[in-house]
Amino acid sequence: MKRVLNGTILTALIGAMALLSIGADTVHSQGLECTEEKEGLVERTNPFTGETVIRPGTYTEFDDDCAFIQDGRENAQDKAAGAAIFCTTAGVDVFDLDISGRGTLAFRATWDEVEAVPAVPTENTLIDTDGIIGLYRLTTGEMQVNAFTEDYPPREYVFIWEGCTREDAAAN
């Protein structure tokens, strides 16, 4: 997926991505490697009048498939996530993220807790929760985390992935 951003928005986005962190470790993104300056027709909309103008100019093309947070989280491409999910040798660690991207461990679902739920349950099943964020095993066999973002008003954050196993965590 590619998105076109003007230089001001791109600079702010890259700056915000560089500030993201979890615990004491800095989260890294690919930033400028995911952009390309181009010449062509640029569409601008006046926010006050709603008038759209198309004219020749320079724009920055930003490749969403390229930029991701490089700290090993399962939801590395969700730059506005309400939680960060890590498959570790101890289990599935879920961090509650504040608006700046700093994380606090919400809970760890141990491998015993994860494996107590069938790989393909007959109903979506809660594996672990801190009372706000929840980790589920779905009837499809996938895993899901439900959380909320810290912005105002808070938005529900849902991340579904194929899940991970004790063996996956040990191999990484």
C-alpha atoms as a PDB file:
ATOM      1  CA  MET A   1       0.000   0.000   0.000  1.00  0.00           C
ATOM      2  CA  LYS A   2       1.368   3.427  -0.873  1.00  0.00           C
ATOM      3  CA  ARG A   3       0.316   6.770   0.484  1.00  0.00           C
ATOM      4  CA  VAL A   4       1.219  10.248  -0.682  1.00  0.00           C
ATOM      5  CA  LEU A   5       2.169  12.745   2.025  1.00  0.00           C
ATOM      6  CA  ASN A   6       3.383  16.291   1.760  1.00  0.00           C
ATOM      7  CA  GLY A   7       6.778  17.088   3.280  1.00  0.00           C
ATOM      8  CA  THR A   8       5.437  18.605   6.506  1.00  0.00           C
ATOM      9  CA  ILE A   9       3.259  15.622   7.380  1.00  0.00           C
ATOM     10  CA  LEU A  10       6.030  13.196   6.428  1.00  0.00           C
ATOM     11  CA  THR A  11       8.564  14.984   8.648  1.00  0.00           C
ATOM     12  CA  ALA A  12       6.129  14.932  11.578  1.00  0.00           C
ATOM     13  CA  LEU A  13       5.336  11.247  10.964  1.00  0.00           C
ATOM     14  CA  ILE A  14       8.991  10.204  10.831  1.00  0.00           C
ATOM     15  CA  GLY A  15       9.746  12.287  13.928  1.00  0.00           C
ATOM     16  CA  ALA A  16       6.861  10.678  15.824  1.00  0.00           C
ATOM     17  CA  MET A  17       7.945   7.205  14.729  1.00  0.00           C
ATOM     18  CA  ALA A  18      11.480   7.900  15.952  1.00  0.00           C
ATOM     19  CA  LEU A  19      10.130   8.817  19.405  1.00  0.00           C
ATOM     20  CA  LEU A  20       8.189   5.603  19.899  1.00  0.00           C
ATOM     21  CA  SER A  21       9.555   3.457  22.674  1.00  0.00           C
ATOM     22  CA  ILE A  22       8.609   0.542  24.855  1.00  0.00           C
ATOM     23  CA  GLY A  23      10.062   0.271  28.309  1.00  0.00           C
ATOM     24  CA  ALA A  24      13.651   1.490  28.215  1.00  0.00           C
ATOM     25  CA  ASP A  25      14.367   0.196  24.719  1.00  0.00           C
ATOM     26  CA  THR A  26      13.964   2.528  21.753  1.00  0.00           C
ATOM     27  CA  VAL A  27      11.692   1.368  18.963  1.00  0.00           C
ATOM     28  CA  HIS A  28      13.147   1.880  15.500  1.00  0.00           C
ATOM     29  CA  SER A  29      11.382   2.371  12.199  1.00  0.00           C
ATOM     30  CA  GLN A  30      12.736   2.400   8.685  1.00  0.00           C
ATOM     31  CA  GLY A  31      11.740   6.038   8.185  1.00  0.00           C
ATOM     32  CA  LEU A  32      13.353   7.667   5.173  1.00  0.00           C
ATOM     33  CA  GLU A  33      14.218   4.376   3.455  1.00  0.00           C
ATOM     34  CA  CYS A  34      10.464   4.072   2.891  1.00  0.00           C
ATOM     35  CA  THR A  35      10.068   7.356   1.036  1.00  0.00           C
ATOM     36  CA  GLU A  36      10.716   8.591  -2.443  1.00  0.00           C
ATOM     37  CA  GLU A  37      10.627  12.193  -3.657  1.00  0.00           C
ATOM     38  CA  LYS A  38       8.748  12.476  -6.955  1.00  0.00           C
ATOM     39  CA  GLU A  39       7.793  15.139  -9.470  1.00  0.00           C
ATOM     40  CA  GLY A  40       4.318  15.115 -10.922  1.00  0.00           C
ATOM     41  CA  LEU A  41       0.809  16.418 -10.512  1.00  0.00           C
ATOM     42  CA  VAL A  42       0.003  17.261  -6.911  1.00  0.00           C
ATOM     43  CA  GLU A  43      -3.561  17.515  -5.665  1.00  0.00           C
ATOM     44  CA  ARG A  44      -4.145  19.982  -2.822  1.00  0.00           C
ATOM     45  CA  THR A  45      -7.406  20.801  -1.076  1.00  0.00           C
ATOM     46  CA  ASN A  46      -7.899  24.113   0.680  1.00  0.00           C
ATOM     47  CA  PRO A  47      -9.153  23.175   4.174  1.00  0.00           C
ATOM     48  CA  PHE A  48     -11.123  26.428   4.474  1.00  0.00           C
ATOM     49  CA  THR A  49     -12.881  26.533   1.099  1.00  0.00           C
ATOM     50  CA  GLY A  50     -12.826  22.850   0.144  1.00  0.00           C
ATOM     51  CA  GLU A  51     -11.510  23.853  -3.293  1.00  0.00           C
ATOM     52  CA  THR A  52      -9.203  21.256  -4.887  1.00  0.00           C
ATOM     53  CA  VAL A  53      -6.330  22.358  -7.103  1.00  0.00           C
ATOM     54  CA  ILE A  54      -4.141  20.068  -9.230  1.00  0.00           C
ATOM     55  CA  ARG A  55      -0.781  21.463 -10.323  1.00  0.00           C
ATOM     56  CA  PRO A  56       2.756  20.297 -11.095  1.00  0.00           C
ATOM     57  CA  GLY A  57       4.956  19.905  -8.029  1.00  0.00           C
ATOM     58  CA  THR A  58       7.091  17.715  -5.800  1.00  0.00           C
ATOM     59  CA  TYR A  59       5.570  15.145  -3.472  1.00  0.00           C
ATOM     60  CA  THR A  60       6.775  12.363  -1.219  1.00  0.00           C
ATOM     61  CA  GLU A  61       5.528   8.849  -1.760  1.00  0.00           C
ATOM     62  CA  PHE A  62       5.508   6.808   1.461  1.00  0.00           C
ATOM     63  CA  ASP A  63       5.426   2.991   1.308  1.00  0.00           C
ATOM     64  CA  ASP A  64       3.416   1.625   4.271  1.00  0.00           C
ATOM     65  CA  ASP A  65       4.594  -1.922   3.562  1.00  0.00           C
ATOM     66  CA  CYS A  66       8.169  -0.812   4.146  1.00  0.00           C
ATOM     67  CA  ALA A  67       7.890   1.030   7.472  1.00  0.00           C
ATOM     68  CA  PHE A  68       7.450  -0.988  10.625  1.00  0.00           C
ATOM     69  CA  ILE A  69       8.558  -0.943  14.219  1.00  0.00           C
ATOM     70  CA  GLN A  70      11.658  -3.100  14.565  1.00  0.00           C
ATOM     71  CA  ASP A  71      11.523  -4.436  18.117  1.00  0.00           C
ATOM     72  CA  GLY A  72      10.153  -7.914  17.412  1.00  0.00           C
ATOM     73  CA  ARG A  73       6.489  -7.250  18.162  1.00  0.00           C
ATOM     74  CA  GLU A  74       3.795  -9.194  16.342  1.00  0.00           C
ATOM     75  CA  ASN A  75       1.923  -6.006  15.373  1.00  0.00           C
ATOM     76  CA  ALA A  76       4.997  -4.205  14.015  1.00  0.00           C
ATOM     77  CA  GLN A  77       3.128  -2.429  11.183  1.00  0.00           C
ATOM     78  CA  ASP A  78       0.448  -0.966  13.470  1.00  0.00           C
ATOM     79  CA  LYS A  79       2.075   2.368  14.257  1.00  0.00           C
ATOM     80  CA  ALA A  80      -1.042   3.646  16.092  1.00  0.00           C
ATOM     81  CA  ALA A  81      -1.615   0.512  18.166  1.00  0.00           C
ATOM     82  CA  GLY A  82      -3.111   0.507  21.636  1.00  0.00           C
ATOM     83  CA  ALA A  83      -0.969  -2.484  22.613  1.00  0.00           C
ATOM     84  CA  ALA A  84       2.300  -4.163  21.651  1.00  0.00           C
ATOM     85  CA  ILE A  85       2.334  -7.968  21.463  1.00  0.00           C
ATOM     86  CA  PHE A  86       5.460 -10.094  21.839  1.00  0.00           C
ATOM     87  CA  CYS A  87       5.808 -13.875  21.624  1.00  0.00           C
ATOM     88  CA  THR A  88       8.566 -14.749  24.095  1.00  0.00           C
ATOM     89  CA  THR A  89       9.998 -17.947  25.529  1.00  0.00           C
ATOM     90  CA  ALA A  90       7.923 -17.231  28.679  1.00  0.00           C
ATOM     91  CA  GLY A  91       4.614 -16.696  26.853  1.00  0.00           C
ATOM     92  CA  VAL A  92       2.722 -13.905  25.115  1.00  0.00           C
ATOM     93  CA  ASP A  93       3.606 -10.506  26.591  1.00  0.00           C
ATOM     94  CA  VAL A  94       1.084  -7.720  26.024  1.00  0.00           C
ATOM     95  CA  PHE A  95       2.115  -4.128  26.704  1.00  0.00           C
ATOM     96  CA  ASP A  96      -0.335  -1.258  27.196  1.00  0.00           C
ATOM     97  CA  LEU A  97       0.905   1.656  25.066  1.00  0.00           C
ATOM     98  CA  ASP A  98       0.426   5.292  26.000  1.00  0.00           C
ATOM     99  CA  ILE A  99      -0.120   8.041  23.436  1.00  0.00           C
ATOM    100  CA  SER A 100       3.652   8.503  22.982  1.00  0.00           C
ATOM    101  CA  GLY A 101       4.146   4.765  22.327  1.00  0.00           C
ATOM    102  CA  ARG A 102       5.748   3.970  25.700  1.00  0.00           C
ATOM    103  CA  GLY A 103       4.690   0.565  26.968  1.00  0.00           C
ATOM    104  CA  THR A 104       3.921  -0.921  30.347  1.00  0.00           C
ATOM    105  CA  LEU A 105       3.542  -4.677  30.686  1.00  0.00           C
ATOM    106  CA  ALA A 106      -0.215  -5.253  31.009  1.00  0.00           C
ATOM    107  CA  PHE A 107       0.121  -9.020  31.421  1.00  0.00           C
ATOM    108  CA  ARG A 108       1.982 -12.124  30.357  1.00  0.00           C
ATOM    109  CA  ALA A 109      -0.043 -15.115  29.205  1.00  0.00           C
ATOM    110  CA  THR A 110       2.237 -18.030  30.039  1.00  0.00           C
ATOM    111  CA  TRP A 111       2.544 -20.893  27.580  1.00  0.00           C
ATOM    112  CA  ASP A 112       0.608 -23.085  30.042  1.00  0.00           C
ATOM    113  CA  GLU A 113      -2.279 -20.572  29.904  1.00  0.00           C
ATOM    114  CA  VAL A 114      -2.117 -20.315  26.099  1.00  0.00           C
ATOM    115  CA  GLU A 115      -1.951 -24.102  25.634  1.00  0.00           C
ATOM    116  CA  ALA A 116      -4.886 -24.641  28.049  1.00  0.00           C
ATOM    117  CA  VAL A 117      -7.147 -23.241  25.298  1.00  0.00           C
ATOM    118  CA  PRO A 118      -7.655 -25.581  22.303  1.00  0.00           C
ATOM    119  CA  ALA A 119      -5.797 -24.574  19.129  1.00  0.00           C
ATOM    120  CA  VAL A 120      -9.206 -24.237  17.430  1.00  0.00           C
ATOM    121  CA  PRO A 121     -11.823 -23.687  20.160  1.00  0.00           C
ATOM    122  CA  THR A 122     -15.570 -24.034  19.523  1.00  0.00           C
ATOM    123  CA  GLU A 123     -16.060 -20.437  20.692  1.00  0.00           C
ATOM    124  CA  ASN A 124     -13.797 -17.388  20.916  1.00  0.00           C
ATOM    125  CA  THR A 125     -12.013 -17.850  24.247  1.00  0.00           C
ATOM    126  CA  LEU A 126     -10.317 -15.356  26.571  1.00  0.00           C
ATOM    127  CA  ILE A 127      -6.797 -16.548  27.401  1.00  0.00           C
ATOM    128  CA  ASP A 128      -5.704 -13.703  29.687  1.00  0.00           C
ATOM    129  CA  THR A 129      -6.578 -10.106  30.576  1.00  0.00           C
ATOM    130  CA  ASP A 130      -5.612  -7.279  32.866  1.00  0.00           C
ATOM    131  CA  GLY A 131      -9.269  -6.200  32.993  1.00  0.00           C
ATOM    132  CA  ILE A 132      -8.851  -3.742  30.101  1.00  0.00           C
ATOM    133  CA  ILE A 133      -6.740  -5.493  27.448  1.00  0.00           C
ATOM    134  CA  GLY A 134      -7.641  -9.043  26.455  1.00  0.00           C
ATOM    135  CA  LEU A 135      -5.877 -11.868  24.608  1.00  0.00           C
ATOM    136  CA  TYR A 136      -8.205 -14.328  22.860  1.00  0.00           C
ATOM    137  CA  ARG A 137      -7.984 -17.538  20.827  1.00  0.00           C
ATOM    138  CA  LEU A 138     -10.563 -17.392  18.009  1.00  0.00           C
ATOM    139  CA  THR A 139     -12.574 -20.219  16.488  1.00  0.00           C
ATOM    140  CA  THR A 140     -10.379 -19.820  13.387  1.00  0.00           C
ATOM    141  CA  GLY A 141      -7.290 -20.725  15.449  1.00  0.00           C
ATOM    142  CA  GLU A 142      -6.013 -17.155  15.219  1.00  0.00           C
ATOM    143  CA  MET A 143      -5.185 -14.991  18.225  1.00  0.00           C
ATOM    144  CA  GLN A 144      -6.670 -11.567  18.916  1.00  0.00           C
ATOM    145  CA  VAL A 145      -5.808  -8.702  21.257  1.00  0.00           C
ATOM    146  CA  ASN A 146      -8.423  -6.096  22.155  1.00  0.00           C
ATOM    147  CA  ALA A 147      -7.220  -2.830  23.703  1.00  0.00           C
ATOM    148  CA  PHE A 148      -7.936   0.887  23.611  1.00  0.00           C
ATOM    149  CA  THR A 149      -5.853   3.763  22.293  1.00  0.00           C
ATOM    150  CA  GLU A 150      -4.831   6.628  24.571  1.00  0.00           C
ATOM    151  CA  ASP A 151      -6.027   9.396  22.257  1.00  0.00           C
ATOM    152  CA  TYR A 152      -9.247  11.293  22.945  1.00  0.00           C
ATOM    153  CA  PRO A 153     -11.759   9.943  22.555  1.00  0.00           C
ATOM    154  CA  PRO A 154     -10.243   6.476  23.033  1.00  0.00           C
ATOM    155  CA  ARG A 155     -10.685   4.085  20.106  1.00  0.00           C
ATOM    156  CA  GLU A 156     -10.949   0.329  20.349  1.00  0.00           C
ATOM    157  CA  TYR A 157      -7.840  -1.391  19.008  1.00  0.00           C
ATOM    158  CA  VAL A 158      -8.183  -4.937  17.662  1.00  0.00           C
ATOM    159  CA  PHE A 159      -5.268  -6.957  16.287  1.00  0.00           C
ATOM    160  CA  ILE A 160      -5.784 -10.443  14.833  1.00  0.00           C
ATOM    161  CA  TRP A 161      -2.858 -12.597  13.757  1.00  0.00           C
ATOM    162  CA  GLU A 162      -2.129 -16.253  13.141  1.00  0.00           C
ATOM    163  CA  GLY A 163      -0.849 -16.523  16.692  1.00  0.00           C
ATOM    164  CA  CYS A 164       2.339 -17.990  18.026  1.00  0.00           C
ATOM    165  CA  THR A 165       3.421 -21.108  19.860  1.00  0.00           C
ATOM    166  CA  ARG A 166       6.036 -22.051  22.403  1.00  0.00           C
ATOM    167  CA  GLU A 167       8.038 -23.578  19.531  1.00  0.00           C
ATOM    168  CA  ASP A 168       7.821 -20.351  17.454  1.00  0.00           C
ATOM    169  CA  ALA A 169       9.124 -18.322  20.410  1.00  0.00           C
ATOM    170  CA  ALA A 170      11.992 -20.756  21.066  1.00  0.00           C
ATOM    171  CA  ALA A 171      13.043 -20.623  17.381  1.00  0.00           C
ATOM    172  CA  ASN A 172      13.309 -16.829  17.432  1.00  0.00           C
END
